[in-house]
């Protein structure tokens, strides 16, 4: 099924069966213009040739959050402020059975620092290992383009719905992606039996929102849960065993779809917030959780009683006039492959998984179209290669257990490393990540080191960190002898962008 779903991604684009409209939501106007131009130029590689592209910026002070951000972007997408200045009647498209997808890219990409700065603070423009054609030239696919390509097959069974995805994670379902037609609000999940020990829960579950199967095929949404919080849910019988005695829960992927009716009703309910542009509201704590919790549970877990009353009043009015159940999940299968490109560690790890002799390695190579690029062993033209993939690369030296994308080098001695868009003289690296670097001297990296070059008007800035570090935690700190903190660098790149307008 993994392989069948990947084939469907390719054929969906080739045969123009994807979404009728895609809406890209960016942090500012420059990024919105970039994505409109880029996606238009990439037709036939990432999206079908008939798909409409709308690119908007979220000009909401402090950020709107996932819920209000989705509703606000929907409104903006229908105004003649897009680069082609057309008025888009999205309501009519959904009413006539068309499909629309929205991709959220807003955010600084702190956990990926310093890579987003190398892409002009555009975290979704970070490169992935596939070559596509843009304006007649081969170039690396970006994270956002990978997500758009991957989600195209969801369109065929979701006519009349708005599908919302996040711009930094790619998943390959192990089940059919078809909509089952049972709920106005559908959230994507991976259902499986929960572990029996705290250590496994903390490692594999605690970072994800929780989907709890409910009677009648519906579901309850809960925020990330610690082991002790899970035990409380079991004790309160909110979570319990199924007919076979197993406790099966879902990890939330965060992505969801809304019926045209629910979308319209939510727009009316939050019309005041959308007009004022002051409040931040997210889908999980401010929509799905109050809608699927009792008043007592929601308030005891720190939720607002007035919000619970408001949302459940909305729920009663909505269900009184509409068919279907309100909220449920779409289980993509417990063997779903999930590749997160929102952290340095995972970015490096998911590149190197291309080299695995496993189902996941095979699926990664199929997804990125790299079946013929995997070199098990080669010695030619001054380059010794072992278990590596080289794309758009000219180099000499030794390359082992590594991925090279857009690299030119006089001499390399690397293993377990990822090098992207770099021109090097001599480089020596083990288990490292090199991104957007130009170095005419000898580049020596310690194990696990990350280097990226950012080019500013006053010259090149080289930033260093380690694969295991979290840039969000160290956002305002100056680490590793860097000339700036990640926050300071972000501001410099923003200022450069403003001056170039």
Protein backbone atom coordinates (compact mmCIF):
# COMPACT_ATOMS: atom_id res chain seq x y z
CA UNK A 1 0.00 0.00 0.00
CA UNK A 2 2.92 2.38 0.67
CA UNK A 3 4.20 1.83 -2.86
CA UNK A 4 0.71 2.13 -4.34
CA UNK A 5 0.14 5.43 -2.55
CA UNK A 6 3.48 6.79 -3.82
CA UNK A 7 2.60 5.74 -7.38
CA UNK A 8 -0.70 7.55 -6.95
CA UNK A 9 1.15 10.73 -5.97
CA UNK A 10 3.10 10.66 -9.23
CA UNK A 11 0.13 9.77 -11.44
CA UNK A 12 -2.14 12.33 -9.76
CA UNK A 13 0.19 15.13 -10.84
CA UNK A 14 0.79 13.64 -14.27
CA UNK A 15 -2.93 13.27 -15.01
CA UNK A 16 -4.10 16.55 -13.39
CA UNK A 17 -6.25 14.83 -10.77
CA UNK A 18 -5.06 16.90 -7.81
CA UNK A 19 -6.74 19.78 -6.00
CA UNK A 20 -8.63 22.32 -8.07
CA UNK A 21 -7.13 25.11 -5.96
CA UNK A 22 -4.20 25.27 -3.56
CA UNK A 23 -3.74 28.14 -1.10
CA UNK A 24 -0.27 28.77 0.33
CA UNK A 25 -0.12 30.82 3.55
CA UNK A 26 3.21 32.58 4.21
CA UNK A 27 4.63 34.89 6.87
CA UNK A 28 4.99 37.94 4.60
CA UNK A 29 4.27 39.25 1.12
CA UNK A 30 7.75 38.49 -0.23
CA UNK A 31 7.40 34.81 0.60
CA UNK A 32 3.86 34.73 -0.76
CA UNK A 33 5.09 36.18 -4.06
CA UNK A 34 8.01 33.72 -4.11
CA UNK A 35 5.73 30.70 -3.73
CA UNK A 36 3.26 31.89 -6.35
CA UNK A 37 6.05 32.34 -8.90
CA UNK A 38 7.83 29.12 -7.94
CA UNK A 39 4.74 26.89 -8.04
CA UNK A 40 3.57 28.37 -11.34
CA UNK A 41 6.99 27.56 -12.81
CA UNK A 42 6.91 24.03 -11.39
CA UNK A 43 3.68 22.88 -12.98
CA UNK A 44 3.85 19.28 -14.14
CA UNK A 45 6.50 18.38 -11.53
CA UNK A 46 4.78 19.23 -8.25
CA UNK A 47 1.21 20.15 -9.15
CA UNK A 48 -1.02 19.48 -12.14
CA UNK A 49 -1.19 21.97 -14.97
CA UNK A 50 -4.81 22.90 -14.26
CA UNK A 51 -4.56 23.62 -10.52
CA UNK A 52 -5.16 27.24 -9.49
CA UNK A 53 -2.49 28.69 -7.19
CA UNK A 54 -3.34 31.34 -4.59
CA UNK A 55 -0.58 32.65 -2.35
CA UNK A 56 -1.38 34.89 0.63
CA UNK A 57 0.45 36.30 3.64
CA UNK A 58 -0.79 36.12 7.24
CA UNK A 59 -0.58 39.81 8.20
CA UNK A 60 -1.96 39.20 11.68
CA UNK A 61 -0.08 40.81 14.61
CA UNK A 62 1.49 38.08 16.73
CA UNK A 63 0.09 35.30 14.51
CA UNK A 64 -3.49 34.10 14.18
CA UNK A 65 -3.00 30.48 15.23
CA UNK A 66 -4.09 27.43 13.25
CA UNK A 67 -7.84 28.00 13.59
CA UNK A 68 -8.15 31.72 12.94
CA UNK A 69 -5.19 31.57 10.53
CA UNK A 70 -7.06 29.06 8.37
CA UNK A 71 -10.29 31.07 8.38
CA UNK A 72 -8.44 34.34 7.73
CA UNK A 73 -6.42 32.86 4.85
CA UNK A 74 -9.64 31.53 3.33
CA UNK A 75 -11.07 35.05 3.33
CA UNK A 76 -7.90 36.61 1.91
CA UNK A 77 -7.70 33.99 -0.84
CA UNK A 78 -10.95 35.31 -2.31
CA UNK A 79 -9.87 38.94 -2.58
CA UNK A 80 -8.13 40.36 -5.67
CA UNK A 81 -4.80 40.79 -3.85
CA UNK A 82 -3.09 37.73 -5.26
CA UNK A 83 -0.27 38.29 -7.79
CA UNK A 84 -2.56 37.61 -10.75
CA UNK A 85 -5.22 39.98 -9.28
CA UNK A 86 -8.08 37.60 -9.99
CA UNK A 87 -11.12 37.28 -7.78
CA UNK A 88 -11.48 33.66 -6.69
CA UNK A 89 -14.94 32.35 -5.81
CA UNK A 90 -13.83 29.51 -3.58
CA UNK A 91 -17.31 29.00 -2.12
CA UNK A 92 -18.66 28.28 -5.58
CA UNK A 93 -15.83 25.84 -6.23
CA UNK A 94 -16.68 23.85 -3.07
CA UNK A 95 -20.42 24.04 -3.72
CA UNK A 96 -19.89 22.52 -7.15
CA UNK A 97 -17.88 19.62 -5.69
CA UNK A 98 -14.39 21.00 -6.29
CA UNK A 99 -11.53 20.46 -3.85
CA UNK A 100 -9.29 23.05 -2.17
CA UNK A 101 -6.11 22.53 -0.14
CA UNK A 102 -4.39 25.01 2.15
CA UNK A 103 -0.73 24.79 3.19
CA UNK A 104 0.52 26.71 6.22
CA UNK A 105 4.17 27.77 6.05
CA UNK A 106 4.16 30.68 8.53
CA UNK A 107 6.75 30.59 11.31
CA UNK A 108 10.47 31.14 11.78
CA UNK A 109 11.58 27.50 11.64
CA UNK A 110 13.54 27.92 14.88
CA UNK A 111 14.29 24.22 15.30
CA UNK A 112 15.92 24.21 11.85
CA UNK A 113 18.20 27.19 12.56
CA UNK A 114 20.40 28.24 10.84
CA UNK A 115 19.12 26.62 7.61
CA UNK A 116 16.04 28.89 7.12
CA UNK A 117 18.29 31.97 7.17
CA UNK A 118 20.18 30.50 4.21
CA UNK A 119 16.83 30.50 2.35
CA UNK A 120 15.98 34.15 3.20
CA UNK A 121 14.06 33.11 6.35
CA UNK A 122 11.80 30.89 4.23
CA UNK A 123 11.78 27.61 6.19
CA UNK A 124 9.59 25.85 3.62
CA UNK A 125 12.17 26.57 0.89
CA UNK A 126 14.76 24.28 2.51
CA UNK A 127 15.87 21.74 -0.08
CA UNK A 128 15.06 18.03 -0.29
CA UNK A 129 16.74 15.28 -2.39
CA UNK A 130 14.78 15.32 -5.62
CA UNK A 131 15.45 17.25 -8.80
CA UNK A 132 12.50 18.92 -10.52
CA UNK A 133 12.24 21.26 -13.49
CA UNK A 134 11.71 24.96 -12.83
CA UNK A 135 11.73 27.30 -15.82
CA UNK A 136 13.48 24.65 -17.87
CA UNK A 137 16.25 24.02 -15.34
CA UNK A 138 16.81 21.16 -12.90
CA UNK A 139 16.70 22.27 -9.28
CA UNK A 140 16.13 20.68 -5.88
CA UNK A 141 12.57 20.30 -4.66
CA UNK A 142 11.71 22.23 -1.50
CA UNK A 143 10.00 21.01 1.66
CA UNK A 144 6.73 22.72 0.77
CA UNK A 145 6.76 21.30 -2.76
CA UNK A 146 7.33 17.85 -1.30
CA UNK A 147 4.29 18.27 0.96
CA UNK A 148 2.09 19.56 -1.89
CA UNK A 149 3.16 16.67 -4.11
CA UNK A 150 2.55 14.11 -1.36
CA UNK A 151 -0.95 15.32 -0.45
CA UNK A 152 -2.34 15.56 -4.01
CA UNK A 153 -4.14 12.14 -3.85
CA UNK A 154 -6.33 13.38 -0.99
CA UNK A 155 -8.20 15.56 -3.49
CA UNK A 156 -10.11 12.93 -5.44
CA UNK A 157 -12.36 11.84 -2.54
CA UNK A 158 -12.71 15.25 -0.83
CA UNK A 159 -14.81 17.25 -3.24
CA UNK A 160 -16.64 20.05 -1.46
CA UNK A 161 -14.07 20.16 1.35
CA UNK A 162 -11.17 22.35 2.41
CA UNK A 163 -8.08 20.28 3.32
CA UNK A 164 -5.47 21.90 5.58
CA UNK A 165 -1.86 20.70 5.75
CA UNK A 166 1.35 21.83 7.45
CA UNK A 167 4.37 22.69 5.33
CA UNK A 168 7.13 20.65 7.01
CA UNK A 169 6.02 17.01 7.21
CA UNK A 170 5.58 14.30 4.61
CA UNK A 171 3.68 11.10 5.34
CA UNK A 172 3.19 7.94 3.28
CA UNK A 173 -0.01 6.19 4.46
CA UNK A 174 -0.18 2.43 4.83
CA UNK A 175 -3.93 2.51 4.10
CA UNK A 176 -6.12 4.15 1.48
CA UNK A 177 -6.34 7.94 1.82
CA UNK A 178 -9.97 8.02 0.65
CA UNK A 179 -12.46 10.09 2.65
CA UNK A 180 -15.03 7.92 4.39
CA UNK A 181 -17.76 10.55 4.29
CA UNK A 182 -18.78 10.38 7.93
CA UNK A 183 -17.78 13.71 9.53
CA UNK A 184 -17.88 17.44 8.86
CA UNK A 185 -14.51 17.80 10.57
CA UNK A 186 -11.91 15.14 9.74
CA UNK A 187 -8.45 14.98 11.34
CA UNK A 188 -5.70 12.71 10.02
CA UNK A 189 -4.30 10.22 12.51
CA UNK A 190 -2.21 7.09 12.91
CA UNK A 191 -4.02 4.59 15.13
CA UNK A 192 -2.17 1.87 16.98
CA UNK A 193 -2.04 0.10 20.33
CA UNK A 194 -0.41 2.19 23.05
CA UNK A 195 2.83 1.00 24.68
CA UNK A 196 2.85 -0.58 28.13
CA UNK A 197 5.79 1.38 29.53
CA UNK A 198 6.45 5.04 30.27
CA UNK A 199 9.79 5.22 28.42
CA UNK A 200 8.27 4.15 25.10
CA UNK A 201 5.32 6.49 25.59
CA UNK A 202 7.64 9.45 26.18
CA UNK A 203 9.74 8.59 23.12
CA UNK A 204 7.02 7.70 20.60
CA UNK A 205 3.78 9.33 21.77
CA UNK A 206 4.19 12.27 24.13
CA UNK A 207 5.06 14.80 21.40
CA UNK A 208 1.80 14.28 19.52
CA UNK A 209 -1.78 15.34 19.99
CA UNK A 210 -3.98 12.42 21.04
CA UNK A 211 -6.98 11.06 19.14
CA UNK A 212 -9.31 8.89 21.24
CA UNK A 213 -11.81 6.69 19.34
CA UNK A 214 -15.39 7.37 20.47
CA UNK A 215 -18.71 5.60 20.11
CA UNK A 216 -20.38 5.76 16.72
CA UNK A 217 -17.14 6.15 14.79
CA UNK A 218 -16.34 9.62 16.10
CA UNK A 219 -13.27 10.73 18.02
CA UNK A 220 -12.11 12.90 20.89
CA UNK A 221 -9.15 15.26 20.53
CA UNK A 222 -6.74 15.87 23.41
CA UNK A 223 -3.50 17.81 23.63
CA UNK A 224 -0.11 16.13 24.12
CA UNK A 225 -0.30 13.86 27.18
CA UNK A 226 2.35 12.79 29.66
CA UNK A 227 2.34 9.22 30.96
CA UNK A 228 0.67 10.31 34.21
CA UNK A 229 -1.94 12.31 32.29
CA UNK A 230 -2.68 9.25 30.14
CA UNK A 231 -3.19 7.17 33.30
CA UNK A 232 -5.71 9.77 34.51
CA UNK A 233 -7.61 9.50 31.22
CA UNK A 234 -7.74 5.72 31.66
CA UNK A 235 -8.86 6.05 35.29
CA UNK A 236 -11.63 8.46 34.28
CA UNK A 237 -12.64 6.00 31.52
CA UNK A 238 -12.15 8.57 28.80
CA UNK A 239 -9.64 6.10 27.39
CA UNK A 240 -10.44 2.41 27.54
CA UNK A 241 -9.89 -0.97 25.86
CA UNK A 242 -11.63 -2.05 22.65
CA UNK A 243 -13.47 -5.35 22.11
CA UNK A 244 -10.18 -7.26 22.03
CA UNK A 245 -8.97 -5.73 25.31
CA UNK A 246 -6.36 -3.48 23.67
CA UNK A 247 -6.14 0.28 24.14
CA UNK A 248 -5.87 1.74 20.64
CA UNK A 249 -5.33 5.47 20.26
CA UNK A 250 -4.36 7.77 17.42
CA UNK A 251 -1.40 10.09 17.00
CA UNK A 252 -2.67 13.30 15.46
CA UNK A 253 -0.91 14.49 12.32
CA UNK A 254 -2.53 17.89 12.82
CA UNK A 255 -3.76 18.05 9.22
CA UNK A 256 -7.54 18.14 8.80
CA UNK A 257 -10.39 18.77 6.38
CA UNK A 258 -13.66 20.69 6.76
CA UNK A 259 -16.93 20.35 4.92
CA UNK A 260 -18.17 23.45 3.13
CA UNK A 261 -21.00 23.69 5.68
CA UNK A 262 -18.69 23.56 8.72
CA UNK A 263 -16.24 25.99 7.14
CA UNK A 264 -19.02 28.51 6.56
CA UNK A 265 -20.41 28.08 10.06
CA UNK A 266 -16.97 28.60 11.65
CA UNK A 267 -16.46 31.77 9.62
CA UNK A 268 -19.71 33.14 10.98
CA UNK A 269 -18.97 32.07 14.55
CA UNK A 270 -15.56 33.75 14.59
CA UNK A 271 -16.47 36.77 12.46
CA UNK A 272 -15.66 39.22 15.26
CA UNK A 273 -12.20 37.75 15.87
CA UNK A 274 -11.46 37.78 12.14
CA UNK A 275 -12.45 41.43 11.89
CA UNK A 276 -10.42 42.56 14.91
CA UNK A 277 -7.27 40.48 14.16
CA UNK A 278 -6.22 40.49 17.83
CA UNK A 279 -6.82 37.03 19.25
CA UNK A 280 -4.78 33.89 18.61
CA UNK A 281 -6.73 30.64 18.43
CA UNK A 282 -5.46 27.15 17.53
CA UNK A 283 -7.47 24.18 16.32
CA UNK A 284 -6.69 21.68 19.09
CA UNK A 285 -7.16 23.66 22.34
CA UNK A 286 -9.71 26.16 21.03
CA UNK A 287 -11.88 24.06 18.70
CA UNK A 288 -11.55 20.27 18.71
CA UNK A 289 -10.95 19.88 22.45
CA UNK A 290 -13.91 21.94 23.71
CA UNK A 291 -16.12 20.30 21.07
CA UNK A 292 -15.14 16.78 22.22
CA UNK A 293 -14.82 17.26 26.01
CA UNK A 294 -17.32 17.52 28.83
CA UNK A 295 -17.47 20.90 30.54
CA UNK A 296 -15.97 19.45 33.74
CA UNK A 297 -13.06 17.78 31.97
CA UNK A 298 -12.24 20.78 29.78
CA UNK A 299 -12.26 23.24 32.69
CA UNK A 300 -10.35 20.91 35.05
CA UNK A 301 -7.61 20.63 32.42
CA UNK A 302 -7.24 24.42 32.31
CA UNK A 303 -9.70 25.27 29.54
CA UNK A 304 -11.98 28.30 29.55
CA UNK A 305 -15.54 27.59 30.67
CA UNK A 306 -16.87 30.42 28.52
CA UNK A 307 -15.12 28.97 25.46
CA UNK A 308 -16.62 25.53 26.18
CA UNK A 309 -20.10 27.04 26.46
CA UNK A 310 -19.63 29.04 23.28
CA UNK A 311 -18.35 26.10 21.20
CA UNK A 312 -20.95 23.65 22.46
CA UNK A 313 -23.70 26.16 21.76
CA UNK A 314 -22.28 26.41 18.25
CA UNK A 315 -22.18 22.60 18.02
CA UNK A 316 -25.85 22.25 18.98
CA UNK A 317 -27.00 24.86 16.47
CA UNK A 318 -24.86 23.41 13.69
CA UNK A 319 -25.90 19.77 14.13
CA UNK A 320 -29.56 20.75 14.34
CA UNK A 321 -29.48 21.77 10.68
CA UNK A 322 -26.72 19.62 9.14
CA UNK A 323 -26.29 15.90 8.50
CA UNK A 324 -23.18 13.82 9.29
CA UNK A 325 -21.39 13.68 12.62
CA UNK A 326 -19.31 16.66 13.64
CA UNK A 327 -15.79 15.30 14.24
CA UNK A 328 -13.83 12.13 13.58
CA UNK A 329 -10.44 10.94 12.44
CA UNK A 330 -9.15 9.32 9.29
CA UNK A 331 -6.75 6.53 10.27
CA UNK A 332 -3.91 6.38 7.74
CA UNK A 333 -2.63 3.08 9.12
CA UNK A 334 -0.28 2.16 11.96
CA UNK A 335 2.57 1.49 9.50
CA UNK A 336 2.34 5.01 8.01
CA UNK A 337 5.76 6.47 7.27
CA UNK A 338 6.14 9.98 8.65
CA UNK A 339 9.07 12.19 7.70
CA UNK A 340 9.35 15.40 9.70
CA UNK A 341 11.60 18.09 8.23
CA UNK A 342 11.05 20.62 11.02
CA UNK A 343 14.13 19.75 13.12
CA UNK A 344 17.82 19.56 12.21
CA UNK A 345 18.16 16.08 13.69
CA UNK A 346 15.21 14.75 11.71
CA UNK A 347 16.26 16.53 8.52
CA UNK A 348 19.68 14.85 8.64
CA UNK A 349 18.20 11.51 9.72
CA UNK A 350 15.55 11.42 6.99
CA UNK A 351 18.12 12.17 4.29
CA UNK A 352 20.29 9.25 5.41
CA UNK A 353 17.32 6.88 5.57
CA UNK A 354 17.44 6.96 1.78
CA UNK A 355 20.41 4.60 2.12
CA UNK A 356 18.67 1.96 4.22
CA UNK A 357 17.98 -1.56 2.93
CA UNK A 358 14.46 -1.48 4.34
CA UNK A 359 10.87 -0.82 3.30
CA UNK A 360 11.26 2.77 4.51
CA UNK A 361 14.45 3.23 2.50
CA UNK A 362 12.75 1.81 -0.60
CA UNK A 363 9.75 4.11 -0.13
CA UNK A 364 11.95 7.16 0.32
CA UNK A 365 13.84 6.38 -2.88
CA UNK A 366 10.57 5.79 -4.74
CA UNK A 367 9.02 9.00 -3.41
CA UNK A 368 12.00 11.13 -4.44
CA UNK A 369 12.53 9.25 -7.70
CA UNK A 370 16.01 8.06 -6.69
CA UNK A 371 15.84 4.33 -7.44
CA UNK A 372 18.59 4.64 -10.04
CA UNK A 373 20.84 6.99 -8.06
CA UNK A 374 21.77 4.78 -5.12
CA UNK A 375 25.45 3.81 -5.53
CA UNK A 376 26.46 0.74 -3.54
CA UNK A 377 30.09 0.85 -4.65
CA UNK A 378 31.91 2.82 -7.35
CA UNK A 379 35.46 3.95 -8.13
CA UNK A 380 35.68 6.25 -11.12
CA UNK A 381 37.24 9.56 -12.13
CA UNK A 382 39.01 10.11 -8.84
CA UNK A 383 35.88 9.53 -6.75
CA UNK A 384 35.33 6.51 -4.49
CA UNK A 385 31.68 6.09 -3.50
CA UNK A 386 30.17 3.57 -1.10
CA UNK A 387 26.47 3.35 -0.18
CA UNK A 388 25.67 6.94 -1.15
CA UNK A 389 23.46 9.07 -3.40
CA UNK A 390 24.91 11.93 -5.43
CA UNK A 391 22.57 14.36 -7.20
CA UNK A 392 23.82 17.18 -9.42
CA UNK A 393 27.29 16.67 -7.95
CA UNK A 394 30.84 16.89 -9.29
CA UNK A 395 33.52 15.87 -6.82
CA UNK A 396 36.63 13.82 -6.15
CA UNK A 397 37.72 11.97 -3.05
CA UNK A 398 35.85 9.50 -0.83
CA UNK A 399 32.13 9.52 -0.05
CA UNK A 400 30.60 6.88 2.22
CA UNK A 401 27.07 6.53 3.65
CA UNK A 402 26.22 10.08 2.58
CA UNK A 403 23.80 12.17 0.49
CA UNK A 404 25.12 14.96 -1.74
CA UNK A 405 22.76 17.39 -3.45
CA UNK A 406 24.01 20.20 -5.67
CA UNK A 407 27.68 19.89 -4.65
CA UNK A 408 30.95 20.72 -6.35
CA UNK A 409 34.18 19.84 -4.54
CA UNK A 410 37.86 19.42 -5.36
CA UNK A 411 38.26 16.76 -2.68
CA UNK A 412 35.91 15.18 -0.12
CA UNK A 413 36.51 12.76 2.71
CA UNK A 414 33.07 12.30 4.26
CA UNK A 415 30.87 9.64 5.82
CA UNK A 416 27.41 9.66 7.36
CA UNK A 417 26.95 13.22 6.15
CA UNK A 418 24.55 15.39 4.16
CA UNK A 419 25.86 18.19 1.91
CA UNK A 420 23.41 20.50 0.13
CA UNK A 421 24.02 23.35 -2.37
CA UNK A 422 27.69 23.80 -1.54
CA UNK A 423 30.93 24.57 -3.39
CA UNK A 424 33.98 23.30 -1.51
CA UNK A 425 37.70 22.93 -1.96
CA UNK A 426 38.63 20.27 0.62
CA UNK A 427 36.13 18.98 3.18
CA UNK A 428 36.45 16.39 5.93
CA UNK A 429 33.28 15.45 7.82
CA UNK A 430 31.71 12.63 9.83
CA UNK A 431 27.98 12.53 10.63
CA UNK A 432 27.70 16.20 9.67
CA UNK A 433 25.42 18.58 7.77
CA UNK A 434 26.78 21.21 5.35
CA UNK A 435 24.22 23.58 3.79
CA UNK A 436 24.71 26.41 1.29
CA UNK A 437 28.44 26.69 1.98
CA UNK A 438 31.21 28.15 -0.15
CA UNK A 439 34.68 27.37 1.17
CA UNK A 440 37.92 27.68 -0.77
CA UNK A 441 40.04 26.53 2.17
CA UNK A 442 40.00 23.25 4.11
CA UNK A 443 36.69 22.63 5.88
CA UNK A 444 37.06 20.34 8.90
CA UNK A 445 33.91 19.41 10.80
CA UNK A 446 33.60 17.55 14.07
CA UNK A 447 31.14 14.70 14.42
CA UNK A 448 27.55 15.93 14.42
CA UNK A 449 28.43 19.48 13.40
CA UNK A 450 26.20 21.67 11.21
CA UNK A 451 27.48 24.59 9.13
CA UNK A 452 25.51 26.95 6.90
CA UNK A 453 26.48 30.11 5.06
CA UNK A 454 24.18 33.12 4.88
CA UNK A 455 25.04 35.84 2.37
CA UNK A 456 24.31 39.41 3.47
CA UNK A 457 25.23 42.76 1.87
CA UNK A 458 28.27 43.13 4.13
CA UNK A 459 29.50 39.63 3.31
CA UNK A 460 29.17 35.97 4.17
CA UNK A 461 28.08 34.87 7.64
CA UNK A 462 28.94 31.33 8.69
CA UNK A 463 26.77 29.81 11.39
CA UNK A 464 27.49 26.61 13.30
CA UNK A 465 25.52 24.34 15.56
CA UNK A 466 25.13 20.59 16.18
CA UNK A 467 22.56 18.21 14.74
CA UNK A 468 21.20 17.37 18.18
CA UNK A 469 20.68 20.99 19.28
CA UNK A 470 17.26 22.68 19.29
CA UNK A 471 17.44 26.17 17.81
CA UNK A 472 14.16 27.13 19.46
CA UNK A 473 15.63 26.65 22.94
CA UNK A 474 18.74 28.60 22.01
CA UNK A 475 17.07 31.16 19.74
CA UNK A 476 18.35 34.22 21.60
CA UNK A 477 21.73 32.76 22.63
CA UNK A 478 25.01 33.11 20.73
CA UNK A 479 26.45 29.59 20.56
CA UNK A 480 29.55 27.94 19.13
CA UNK A 481 31.33 31.28 18.66
CA UNK A 482 28.81 32.37 16.01
CA UNK A 483 28.80 36.08 15.12
CA UNK A 484 25.07 36.32 15.94
CA UNK A 485 22.33 34.53 17.80
CA UNK A 486 19.77 32.83 15.58
CA UNK A 487 17.28 35.55 16.53
CA UNK A 488 19.77 38.27 15.59
CA UNK A 489 20.51 36.59 12.27
CA UNK A 490 16.80 36.29 11.53
CA UNK A 491 16.41 40.06 12.04
CA UNK A 492 19.40 40.79 9.79
CA UNK A 493 17.96 38.69 6.97
CA UNK A 494 14.57 40.37 7.41
CA UNK A 495 16.19 43.81 7.25
CA UNK A 496 18.04 42.82 4.08
CA UNK A 497 14.78 41.69 2.50
CA UNK A 498 13.11 44.99 3.41
CA UNK A 499 15.96 47.04 1.91
CA UNK A 500 15.83 45.08 -1.34
CA UNK A 501 12.18 45.98 -2.01
